[in-house]
Protein backbone atom coordinates (compact mmCIF):
# COMPACT_ATOMS: atom_id res chain seq x y z
CA MET A 1 0.00 0.00 0.00
CA SER A 2 1.43 3.37 -0.99
CA GLY A 3 1.87 6.13 1.60
CA SER A 4 -1.00 8.11 0.09
CA ALA A 5 -3.26 5.06 0.11
CA TYR A 6 -2.31 4.32 3.72
CA ALA A 7 -3.03 7.93 4.74
CA ARG A 8 -6.44 7.77 3.03
CA PHE A 9 -7.12 4.41 4.72
CA LYS A 10 -6.41 6.05 8.09
CA GLY A 11 -8.84 8.89 7.25
CA VAL A 12 -6.51 11.67 6.06
CA ILE A 13 -7.86 13.75 3.17
CA VAL A 14 -5.14 13.50 0.50
CA GLY A 15 -4.97 15.32 -2.84
CA ASN A 16 -3.41 14.12 -6.09
CA ASN A 17 0.20 13.39 -6.95
CA CYS A 18 1.43 13.15 -3.35
CA ARG A 19 4.49 11.29 -2.04
CA ILE A 20 3.84 10.36 1.56
CA ILE A 21 6.57 8.36 3.29
CA THR A 22 5.50 8.85 6.92
CA LYS A 23 2.79 6.88 8.72
CA GLU A 24 2.65 9.27 11.70
CA PHE A 25 -0.81 10.84 11.51
CA GLY A 26 -1.58 10.82 15.22
CA THR A 27 -4.76 9.51 16.79
CA GLU A 28 -7.15 11.74 14.79
CA PRO A 29 -6.02 11.39 11.16
CA TRP A 30 -9.42 12.56 9.87
CA LEU A 31 -8.47 16.06 11.13
CA ILE A 32 -5.62 16.26 8.56
CA GLU A 33 -6.04 17.61 5.03
CA ILE A 34 -3.23 17.40 2.45
CA GLY A 35 -3.38 19.20 -0.91
CA ASN A 36 -1.93 18.26 -4.32
CA ASN A 37 1.76 17.73 -5.17
CA VAL A 38 2.82 17.30 -1.55
CA THR A 39 5.83 15.34 -0.31
CA ILE A 40 5.88 14.31 3.34
CA THR A 41 9.14 12.52 4.08
CA HIS A 42 10.21 9.86 6.57
CA GLY A 43 9.74 10.52 10.27
CA VAL A 44 7.41 13.50 9.88
CA LYS A 45 4.82 13.64 12.65
CA ILE A 46 1.51 15.47 12.22
CA LEU A 47 -0.20 16.12 15.55
CA THR A 48 -3.88 16.98 15.97
CA HIS A 49 -4.19 17.11 19.75
CA ASP A 50 -2.41 18.54 22.76
CA GLY A 51 -1.64 15.59 25.03
CA SER A 52 -0.44 17.80 27.87
CA THR A 53 -4.04 18.69 28.70
CA TRP A 54 -4.43 15.37 30.53
CA LEU A 55 -2.50 16.99 33.39
CA PHE A 56 -5.44 19.27 34.16
CA ASN A 57 -8.43 17.84 35.92
CA ASP A 58 -11.09 19.31 38.18
CA GLU A 59 -14.72 18.58 39.08
CA LYS A 60 -15.57 18.73 35.34
CA GLY A 61 -12.91 16.11 34.54
CA ARG A 62 -9.91 15.97 32.28
CA ARG A 63 -9.47 18.56 29.54
CA PHE A 64 -8.98 17.94 25.80
CA LEU A 65 -7.80 20.05 22.85
CA TYR A 66 -8.10 18.88 19.23
CA LYS A 67 -7.22 20.98 16.18
CA LYS A 68 -7.14 20.38 12.43
CA VAL A 69 -3.98 20.55 10.33
CA LYS A 70 -4.20 21.74 6.73
CA ILE A 71 -1.38 21.40 4.20
CA GLY A 72 -1.74 23.24 0.88
CA ASN A 73 -0.49 22.44 -2.62
CA ASN A 74 3.14 22.11 -3.74
CA VAL A 75 4.55 21.55 -0.27
CA PHE A 76 7.66 19.61 0.79
CA ILE A 77 8.06 18.59 4.44
CA GLY A 78 11.59 17.44 5.31
CA VAL A 79 12.68 14.42 7.36
CA ASN A 80 11.74 14.28 11.06
CA SER A 81 9.75 17.51 11.08
CA VAL A 82 6.85 17.93 13.51
CA ILE A 83 3.63 19.71 12.54
CA MET A 84 1.73 20.88 15.63
CA PRO A 85 -2.07 21.00 16.05
CA GLY A 86 -3.89 23.89 14.38
CA VAL A 87 -1.14 24.65 11.85
CA ILE A 88 -2.04 25.72 8.32
CA ILE A 89 0.70 25.36 5.71
CA GLU A 90 -0.21 27.37 2.64
CA ASP A 91 0.84 26.65 -0.99
CA LYS A 92 4.41 26.55 -2.32
CA VAL A 93 6.21 25.92 0.96
CA VAL A 94 9.42 24.00 1.70
CA ILE A 95 9.96 22.89 5.30
CA ALA A 96 13.55 21.95 6.14
CA ALA A 97 14.42 18.66 7.84
CA GLY A 98 13.95 18.60 11.61
CA THR A 99 11.71 21.66 11.73
CA ILE A 100 9.22 22.06 14.56
CA VAL A 101 6.25 23.85 12.98
CA THR A 102 4.49 25.65 15.83
CA LYS A 103 2.88 28.42 13.75
CA SER A 104 1.02 28.54 10.44
CA ILE A 105 3.20 29.06 7.36
CA PRO A 106 2.28 31.64 4.68
CA LYS A 107 2.50 30.75 0.99
CA GLY A 108 5.72 30.99 -0.96
CA VAL A 109 8.37 30.55 1.73
CA ILE A 110 11.09 28.18 2.88
CA VAL A 111 11.13 27.59 6.62
CA GLY A 112 13.26 25.70 9.13
CA GLY A 113 14.38 25.45 12.70
CA ASN A 114 13.04 25.14 16.22
CA PRO A 115 11.15 27.32 16.58
CA VAL A 116 10.28 27.63 12.92
CA LYS A 117 11.44 30.75 11.06
CA ILE A 118 11.37 31.92 7.45
CA LEU A 119 14.68 31.20 5.72
CA GLY A 120 13.91 32.36 2.18
CA LEU A 121 11.43 32.54 -0.66
CA TYR A 122 10.05 29.59 -2.59
CA GLU A 123 10.39 31.44 -5.92
CA ASP A 124 14.13 32.08 -5.34
CA TYR A 125 14.69 28.40 -4.52
CA GLU A 126 12.63 27.33 -7.55
CA LYS A 127 14.71 29.55 -9.84
CA ASN A 128 17.97 28.18 -8.42
CA VAL A 129 16.85 24.56 -8.77
CA LEU A 130 15.63 25.01 -12.36
CA GLU A 131 18.84 26.80 -13.40
CA ASN A 132 21.44 24.72 -11.55
CA TYR A 133 20.22 21.19 -10.75
CA VAL A 134 20.33 18.11 -12.99
CA SER A 135 17.15 17.66 -15.04
CA LYS A 136 15.39 14.40 -15.81
CA GLU A 137 16.27 15.02 -19.47
CA ASN A 138 19.97 14.94 -18.53
CA MET A 139 19.76 11.66 -16.58
CA ASP A 140 20.88 8.49 -18.37
CA PHE A 141 18.17 5.98 -17.51
CA SER A 142 19.94 3.24 -19.47
CA LEU A 143 22.41 3.04 -16.55
CA SER A 144 21.79 1.29 -13.25
CA TYR A 145 20.49 3.56 -10.49
CA LYS A 146 23.90 3.65 -8.78
CA ASN A 147 25.81 4.47 -11.98
CA ARG A 148 23.20 7.03 -13.07
CA ILE A 149 23.47 8.89 -9.74
CA ASN A 150 27.28 8.63 -9.61
CA LYS A 151 27.41 10.23 -13.06
CA VAL A 152 25.55 13.37 -11.88
CA VAL A 153 26.47 13.62 -8.17
CA ASP A 154 27.45 17.10 -6.96
CA GLU A 155 30.91 16.73 -5.39
CA SER A 156 30.88 20.09 -3.60
CA SER A 157 30.66 20.28 0.21
CA LYS A 158 28.68 22.52 2.51
CA GLN A 159 30.50 25.50 4.04
CA TYR A 160 32.04 25.00 7.46
CA ILE A 161 30.18 26.44 10.42
CA THR A 162 31.79 29.50 12.00
CA ILE A 163 31.67 31.06 15.43
CA ASP A 164 29.05 33.59 14.34
CA GLY A 165 26.85 30.96 12.72
């Protein structure tokens, strides 16, 4: 069963052309809506309730808080990110790996961190990718996967971290 099919089976509303690797939809998956052209990678957790409310109890009993999560179109959510209850992620958003999304994300941005912050604009990233990254047209699919990737791998390294960041 594909990730999208599994999400639908659990009750998540899923659009078209989605790549869903995670199976972490919490205990209320029907409160999650995912748009079209969305990638949700491995280890992503989408939460729809605040479990800390079980700490609070009085004559009316334990308290509960449930909130929907809505993910727009053309969204990428990186490995091991956490989407908190009540978050709306608008269209054309990239969420970096390991991000804790505690606030709603406006359209057209790249975000990352804990707490989440805007790192750049989607349109700038899109332009860079289209101008500088290997295209499907330039991949040699007659080669094995390993040889095809080795032929186009980017050998550059990330910059070293410095004292000021």
